[in-house]
Amino acid sequence: MFEIPEQSPWGSVQACDALCPGVFMVSTASHGGTMVAKDMQTALSPAARRYGFRHHGYLCFEEDADENIVLRELLDKKLWQIPDRIKDKAGFEESINATLRQYCPDYWRARRAGQEKADIRMTQYER
């Protein structure tokens, strides 16, 4: 359904890990990041999509900080799980959150605001 990208904005793809259908974590000789296929971009919140940049139909996120936005979104939506090879899953998740708080504060605030609205809606529904 989704083809693994051969080229990325960072160069030729040397390694690729499909996080879920249409979402690829890629590495090149010098850099990498996460590439989200066009049909999967709507799985990301508007706040998340603002951090990506377009390349050949993909929405791309740099590996240094911005790809953590994709990981956070996929975790929140249960589209991806932290791999079993990572033993300290809570520590790994907190590392994602800490990176987002430091380097993507606008995204982090939007995410927190969205969670609070969802909590309010759920509380109203339960009444």
N, C-alpha and C. Protein backbone atom coordinates (compact mmCIF):
# COMPACT_ATOMS: atom_id res chain seq x y z
N MET A 1 0.82 -1.19 0.00
CA MET A 1 0.00 0.00 0.00
C MET A 1 0.87 1.26 0.00
N PHE A 2 1.80 1.35 0.94
CA PHE A 2 2.72 2.49 0.99
C PHE A 2 4.11 2.00 0.62
N GLU A 3 4.74 2.72 -0.28
CA GLU A 3 6.09 2.35 -0.68
C GLU A 3 7.11 3.00 0.24
N ILE A 4 8.12 2.25 0.57
CA ILE A 4 9.21 2.77 1.39
C ILE A 4 9.97 3.81 0.57
N PRO A 5 10.20 4.99 1.14
CA PRO A 5 10.91 6.01 0.37
C PRO A 5 12.36 5.61 0.11
N GLU A 6 12.82 5.92 -1.08
CA GLU A 6 14.22 5.68 -1.42
C GLU A 6 15.06 6.94 -1.23
N GLN A 7 14.41 8.08 -1.42
CA GLN A 7 15.08 9.38 -1.25
C GLN A 7 14.39 10.14 -0.12
N SER A 8 15.16 10.94 0.55
CA SER A 8 14.63 11.79 1.61
C SER A 8 15.22 13.18 1.43
N PRO A 9 14.73 14.15 2.16
CA PRO A 9 15.34 15.47 2.07
C PRO A 9 16.77 15.49 2.62
N TRP A 10 17.17 14.42 3.29
CA TRP A 10 18.50 14.33 3.89
C TRP A 10 19.45 13.49 3.04
N GLY A 11 18.95 12.96 1.91
CA GLY A 11 19.78 12.14 1.03
C GLY A 11 19.15 10.78 0.78
N SER A 12 19.94 9.89 0.18
CA SER A 12 19.47 8.54 -0.12
C SER A 12 19.22 7.77 1.18
N VAL A 13 18.09 7.09 1.23
CA VAL A 13 17.71 6.34 2.43
C VAL A 13 18.58 5.08 2.51
N GLN A 14 19.26 4.92 3.64
CA GLN A 14 20.09 3.74 3.89
C GLN A 14 19.38 2.73 4.78
N ALA A 15 18.54 3.23 5.69
CA ALA A 15 17.77 2.35 6.57
C ALA A 15 16.41 2.98 6.76
N CYS A 16 15.39 2.13 6.88
CA CYS A 16 14.03 2.62 7.00
C CYS A 16 13.25 1.69 7.93
N ASP A 17 12.55 2.29 8.88
CA ASP A 17 11.71 1.54 9.80
C ASP A 17 10.30 2.08 9.68
N ALA A 18 9.34 1.23 9.30
CA ALA A 18 7.94 1.64 9.21
C ALA A 18 7.36 1.65 10.62
N LEU A 19 7.00 2.84 11.10
CA LEU A 19 6.42 2.95 12.44
C LEU A 19 4.97 2.48 12.44
N CYS A 20 4.28 2.76 11.36
CA CYS A 20 2.93 2.28 11.08
C CYS A 20 2.74 2.50 9.59
N PRO A 21 1.67 2.01 9.00
CA PRO A 21 1.53 2.20 7.54
C PRO A 21 1.62 3.68 7.14
N GLY A 22 2.56 3.96 6.24
CA GLY A 22 2.71 5.31 5.72
C GLY A 22 3.56 6.26 6.54
N VAL A 23 4.16 5.77 7.62
CA VAL A 23 5.03 6.61 8.47
C VAL A 23 6.37 5.90 8.60
N PHE A 24 7.42 6.55 8.11
CA PHE A 24 8.72 5.91 8.01
C PHE A 24 9.79 6.72 8.73
N MET A 25 10.56 6.05 9.58
CA MET A 25 11.74 6.65 10.20
C MET A 25 12.92 6.26 9.33
N VAL A 26 13.58 7.24 8.74
CA VAL A 26 14.65 6.96 7.79
C VAL A 26 15.99 7.48 8.28
N SER A 27 17.03 6.81 7.84
CA SER A 27 18.41 7.24 8.12
C SER A 27 19.14 7.34 6.79
N THR A 28 20.03 8.31 6.71
CA THR A 28 20.89 8.47 5.55
C THR A 28 22.34 8.46 6.03
N ALA A 29 23.26 8.69 5.13
CA ALA A 29 24.67 8.70 5.52
C ALA A 29 24.97 9.79 6.54
N SER A 30 24.21 10.89 6.50
CA SER A 30 24.57 12.01 7.37
C SER A 30 23.47 12.44 8.33
N HIS A 31 22.23 12.08 8.07
CA HIS A 31 21.13 12.61 8.89
C HIS A 31 19.92 11.71 8.71
N GLY A 32 18.77 12.17 9.15
CA GLY A 32 17.55 11.40 8.98
C GLY A 32 16.38 12.09 9.62
N GLY A 33 15.28 11.36 9.69
CA GLY A 33 14.07 11.90 10.28
C GLY A 33 12.90 10.98 9.99
N THR A 34 11.72 11.50 10.16
CA THR A 34 10.51 10.74 9.93
C THR A 34 9.75 11.36 8.77
N MET A 35 9.29 10.48 7.89
CA MET A 35 8.55 10.90 6.70
C MET A 35 7.14 10.31 6.77
N VAL A 36 6.16 11.18 6.60
CA VAL A 36 4.75 10.78 6.70
C VAL A 36 4.13 10.90 5.31
N ALA A 37 3.64 9.77 4.77
CA ALA A 37 3.03 9.76 3.44
C ALA A 37 1.77 10.64 3.43
N LYS A 38 1.45 11.15 2.27
CA LYS A 38 0.33 12.07 2.11
C LYS A 38 -0.96 11.53 2.72
N ASP A 39 -1.28 10.27 2.47
CA ASP A 39 -2.53 9.70 2.98
C ASP A 39 -2.56 9.52 4.49
N MET A 40 -1.42 9.64 5.15
CA MET A 40 -1.37 9.49 6.61
C MET A 40 -1.24 10.82 7.34
N GLN A 41 -1.08 11.90 6.61
CA GLN A 41 -0.85 13.20 7.25
C GLN A 41 -2.02 13.66 8.10
N THR A 42 -3.22 13.26 7.73
CA THR A 42 -4.39 13.67 8.52
C THR A 42 -4.44 12.96 9.87
N ALA A 43 -3.63 11.93 10.07
CA ALA A 43 -3.55 11.29 11.38
C ALA A 43 -2.84 12.19 12.39
N LEU A 44 -2.12 13.18 11.89
CA LEU A 44 -1.42 14.12 12.76
C LEU A 44 -2.30 15.34 13.02
N SER A 45 -2.18 15.89 14.19
CA SER A 45 -2.94 17.09 14.54
C SER A 45 -2.45 18.28 13.71
N PRO A 46 -3.27 19.31 13.56
CA PRO A 46 -2.80 20.51 12.86
C PRO A 46 -1.54 21.09 13.50
N ALA A 47 -1.46 21.06 14.82
CA ALA A 47 -0.27 21.58 15.50
C ALA A 47 0.97 20.78 15.10
N ALA A 48 0.83 19.48 14.98
CA ALA A 48 1.96 18.64 14.57
C ALA A 48 2.35 18.92 13.14
N ARG A 49 1.38 19.01 12.25
CA ARG A 49 1.67 19.22 10.83
C ARG A 49 2.41 20.53 10.60
N ARG A 50 2.21 21.52 11.43
CA ARG A 50 2.91 22.81 11.26
C ARG A 50 4.43 22.67 11.42
N TYR A 51 4.88 21.65 12.12
CA TYR A 51 6.32 21.46 12.33
C TYR A 51 6.99 20.71 11.19
N GLY A 52 6.22 20.07 10.35
CA GLY A 52 6.80 19.32 9.25
C GLY A 52 7.05 20.19 8.04
N PHE A 53 7.85 19.69 7.13
CA PHE A 53 8.08 20.36 5.85
C PHE A 53 7.86 19.35 4.73
N ARG A 54 7.48 19.82 3.59
CA ARG A 54 7.09 18.95 2.48
C ARG A 54 8.30 18.57 1.61
N HIS A 55 8.29 17.30 1.19
CA HIS A 55 9.32 16.79 0.29
C HIS A 55 8.72 15.63 -0.49
N HIS A 56 8.52 15.82 -1.79
CA HIS A 56 8.04 14.76 -2.69
C HIS A 56 6.80 14.03 -2.15
N GLY A 57 5.83 14.78 -1.68
CA GLY A 57 4.58 14.21 -1.20
C GLY A 57 4.59 13.75 0.25
N TYR A 58 5.72 13.82 0.89
CA TYR A 58 5.83 13.44 2.30
C TYR A 58 5.87 14.69 3.16
N LEU A 59 5.39 14.56 4.38
CA LEU A 59 5.58 15.57 5.40
C LEU A 59 6.74 15.06 6.25
N CYS A 60 7.80 15.84 6.34
CA CYS A 60 9.05 15.37 6.94
C CYS A 60 9.36 16.10 8.24
N PHE A 61 9.96 15.38 9.17
CA PHE A 61 10.30 15.90 10.48
C PHE A 61 11.74 15.52 10.80
N GLU A 62 12.57 16.51 11.08
CA GLU A 62 13.99 16.29 11.40
C GLU A 62 14.15 15.37 12.61
N GLU A 63 15.20 14.55 12.58
CA GLU A 63 15.41 13.59 13.65
C GLU A 63 15.82 14.23 14.98
N ASP A 64 16.41 15.40 14.94
CA ASP A 64 16.96 15.98 16.16
C ASP A 64 15.90 16.29 17.22
N ALA A 65 14.76 16.80 16.83
CA ALA A 65 13.71 17.12 17.81
C ALA A 65 12.32 16.92 17.24
N ASP A 66 12.11 17.38 16.01
CA ASP A 66 10.76 17.41 15.47
C ASP A 66 10.14 16.03 15.25
N GLU A 67 10.95 15.00 15.00
CA GLU A 67 10.35 13.69 14.80
C GLU A 67 9.70 13.17 16.08
N ASN A 68 10.08 13.73 17.21
CA ASN A 68 9.43 13.35 18.47
C ASN A 68 7.95 13.74 18.46
N ILE A 69 7.61 14.75 17.69
CA ILE A 69 6.20 15.12 17.54
C ILE A 69 5.43 13.96 16.93
N VAL A 70 5.98 13.35 15.90
CA VAL A 70 5.32 12.22 15.24
C VAL A 70 5.22 11.04 16.22
N LEU A 71 6.29 10.76 16.94
CA LEU A 71 6.25 9.66 17.90
C LEU A 71 5.18 9.90 18.95
N ARG A 72 5.10 11.13 19.47
CA ARG A 72 4.10 11.48 20.49
C ARG A 72 2.68 11.29 19.95
N GLU A 73 2.46 11.78 18.73
CA GLU A 73 1.13 11.69 18.12
C GLU A 73 0.74 10.23 17.88
N LEU A 74 1.68 9.43 17.37
CA LEU A 74 1.38 8.02 17.12
C LEU A 74 1.12 7.26 18.41
N LEU A 75 1.88 7.58 19.45
CA LEU A 75 1.63 6.97 20.76
C LEU A 75 0.25 7.35 21.28
N ASP A 76 -0.07 8.64 21.20
CA ASP A 76 -1.36 9.11 21.71
C ASP A 76 -2.54 8.44 20.99
N LYS A 77 -2.37 8.21 19.71
CA LYS A 77 -3.45 7.64 18.89
C LYS A 77 -3.36 6.11 18.82
N LYS A 78 -2.41 5.55 19.56
CA LYS A 78 -2.21 4.10 19.59
C LYS A 78 -1.95 3.50 18.21
N LEU A 79 -1.25 4.27 17.37
CA LEU A 79 -0.85 3.79 16.05
C LEU A 79 0.56 3.21 16.07
N TRP A 80 1.26 3.40 17.17
CA TRP A 80 2.64 2.91 17.31
C TRP A 80 2.87 2.62 18.79
N GLN A 81 3.68 1.62 19.05
CA GLN A 81 4.09 1.28 20.41
C GLN A 81 5.60 1.39 20.51
N ILE A 82 6.06 1.73 21.66
CA ILE A 82 7.50 1.75 21.90
C ILE A 82 8.01 0.32 21.74
N PRO A 83 9.05 0.13 20.92
CA PRO A 83 9.53 -1.23 20.65
C PRO A 83 10.00 -1.96 21.90
N ASP A 84 9.87 -3.28 21.88
CA ASP A 84 10.28 -4.11 23.02
C ASP A 84 11.77 -3.99 23.32
N ARG A 85 12.57 -3.66 22.32
CA ARG A 85 14.02 -3.54 22.56
C ARG A 85 14.35 -2.41 23.53
N ILE A 86 13.41 -1.48 23.71
CA ILE A 86 13.59 -0.40 24.67
C ILE A 86 13.01 -0.86 26.00
N LYS A 87 13.86 -1.09 26.95
CA LYS A 87 13.44 -1.68 28.23
C LYS A 87 12.74 -0.66 29.14
N ASP A 88 13.24 0.56 29.17
CA ASP A 88 12.64 1.59 30.02
C ASP A 88 11.66 2.42 29.19
N LYS A 89 10.47 1.86 29.01
CA LYS A 89 9.47 2.52 28.15
C LYS A 89 9.01 3.85 28.75
N ALA A 90 8.83 3.91 30.05
CA ALA A 90 8.40 5.16 30.70
C ALA A 90 9.49 6.22 30.55
N GLY A 91 10.74 5.84 30.69
CA GLY A 91 11.84 6.78 30.52
C GLY A 91 11.94 7.27 29.09
N PHE A 92 11.73 6.36 28.14
CA PHE A 92 11.77 6.73 26.73
C PHE A 92 10.65 7.74 26.41
N GLU A 93 9.45 7.46 26.92
CA GLU A 93 8.33 8.37 26.69
C GLU A 93 8.58 9.73 27.35
N GLU A 94 9.15 9.73 28.53
CA GLU A 94 9.45 11.01 29.18
C GLU A 94 10.52 11.77 28.41
N SER A 95 11.46 11.05 27.81
CA SER A 95 12.48 11.70 26.97
C SER A 95 11.83 12.40 25.77
N ILE A 96 10.84 11.73 25.15
CA ILE A 96 10.10 12.36 24.06
C ILE A 96 9.43 13.63 24.56
N ASN A 97 8.74 13.53 25.69
CA ASN A 97 8.03 14.68 26.23
C ASN A 97 8.97 15.82 26.60
N ALA A 98 10.10 15.50 27.21
CA ALA A 98 11.06 16.53 27.60
C ALA A 98 11.62 17.25 26.37
N THR A 99 11.91 16.49 25.33
CA THR A 99 12.40 17.10 24.09
C THR A 99 11.36 18.05 23.51
N LEU A 100 10.10 17.61 23.52
CA LEU A 100 9.03 18.46 22.98
C LEU A 100 8.84 19.73 23.81
N ARG A 101 8.88 19.57 25.13
CA ARG A 101 8.74 20.76 25.99
C ARG A 101 9.85 21.77 25.71
N GLN A 102 11.07 21.28 25.49
CA GLN A 102 12.21 22.17 25.29
C GLN A 102 12.28 22.75 23.89
N TYR A 103 12.11 21.92 22.87
CA TYR A 103 12.37 22.36 21.50
C TYR A 103 11.13 22.66 20.67
N CYS A 104 9.98 22.20 21.11
CA CYS A 104 8.73 22.41 20.36
C CYS A 104 7.64 22.90 21.32
N PRO A 105 7.90 23.99 22.04
CA PRO A 105 6.95 24.41 23.08
C PRO A 105 5.56 24.78 22.55
N ASP A 106 5.47 25.32 21.34
CA ASP A 106 4.16 25.65 20.79
C ASP A 106 3.35 24.38 20.55
N TYR A 107 4.00 23.35 20.04
CA TYR A 107 3.32 22.07 19.86
C TYR A 107 2.88 21.51 21.22
N TRP A 108 3.78 21.54 22.20
CA TRP A 108 3.48 20.96 23.50
C TRP A 108 2.27 21.66 24.14
N ARG A 109 2.22 22.99 24.04
CA ARG A 109 1.08 23.74 24.60
C ARG A 109 -0.21 23.36 23.87
N ALA A 110 -0.16 23.25 22.54
CA ALA A 110 -1.35 22.89 21.77
C ALA A 110 -1.81 21.47 22.13
N ARG A 111 -0.87 20.56 22.31
CA ARG A 111 -1.22 19.19 22.68
C ARG A 111 -1.88 19.17 24.05
N ARG A 112 -1.31 19.88 25.00
CA ARG A 112 -1.87 19.92 26.36
C ARG A 112 -3.26 20.54 26.35
N ALA A 113 -3.45 21.60 25.58
CA ALA A 113 -4.76 22.24 25.49
C ALA A 113 -5.78 21.28 24.88
N GLY A 114 -5.38 20.53 23.88
CA GLY A 114 -6.27 19.54 23.26
C GLY A 114 -6.65 18.44 24.23
N GLN A 115 -5.70 18.01 25.06
CA GLN A 115 -5.99 16.97 26.04
C GLN A 115 -6.99 17.47 27.08
N GLU A 116 -6.83 18.72 27.50
CA GLU A 116 -7.73 19.28 28.49
C GLU A 116 -9.15 19.39 27.93
N LYS A 117 -9.28 19.78 26.67
CA LYS A 117 -10.61 19.86 26.04
C LYS A 117 -11.23 18.47 25.96
N ALA A 118 -10.44 17.47 25.62
CA ALA A 118 -10.95 16.10 25.53
C ALA A 118 -11.41 15.60 26.90
N ASP A 119 -10.65 15.95 27.96
CA ASP A 119 -11.04 15.56 29.31
C ASP A 119 -12.36 16.20 29.71
N ILE A 120 -12.55 17.46 29.35
CA ILE A 120 -13.80 18.16 29.66
C ILE A 120 -14.96 17.51 28.93
N ARG A 121 -14.77 17.21 27.63
CA ARG A 121 -15.84 16.56 26.86
C ARG A 121 -16.19 15.20 27.45
N MET A 122 -15.19 14.43 27.86
CA MET A 122 -15.43 13.11 28.43
C MET A 122 -16.20 13.24 29.74
N THR A 123 -15.84 14.21 30.57
CA THR A 123 -16.53 14.43 31.84
C THR A 123 -17.98 14.80 31.60
N GLN A 124 -18.25 15.65 30.62
CA GLN A 124 -19.62 16.03 30.29
C GLN A 124 -20.41 14.84 29.78
N TYR A 125 -19.77 13.97 29.01
CA TYR A 125 -20.42 12.79 28.44
C TYR A 125 -20.82 11.81 29.54
N GLU A 126 -19.97 11.72 30.57
CA GLU A 126 -20.20 10.76 31.65
C GLU A 126 -21.38 11.16 32.54
N ARG A 127 -21.78 12.42 32.49
CA ARG A 127 -22.87 12.88 33.37
C ARG A 127 -24.19 12.36 32.96
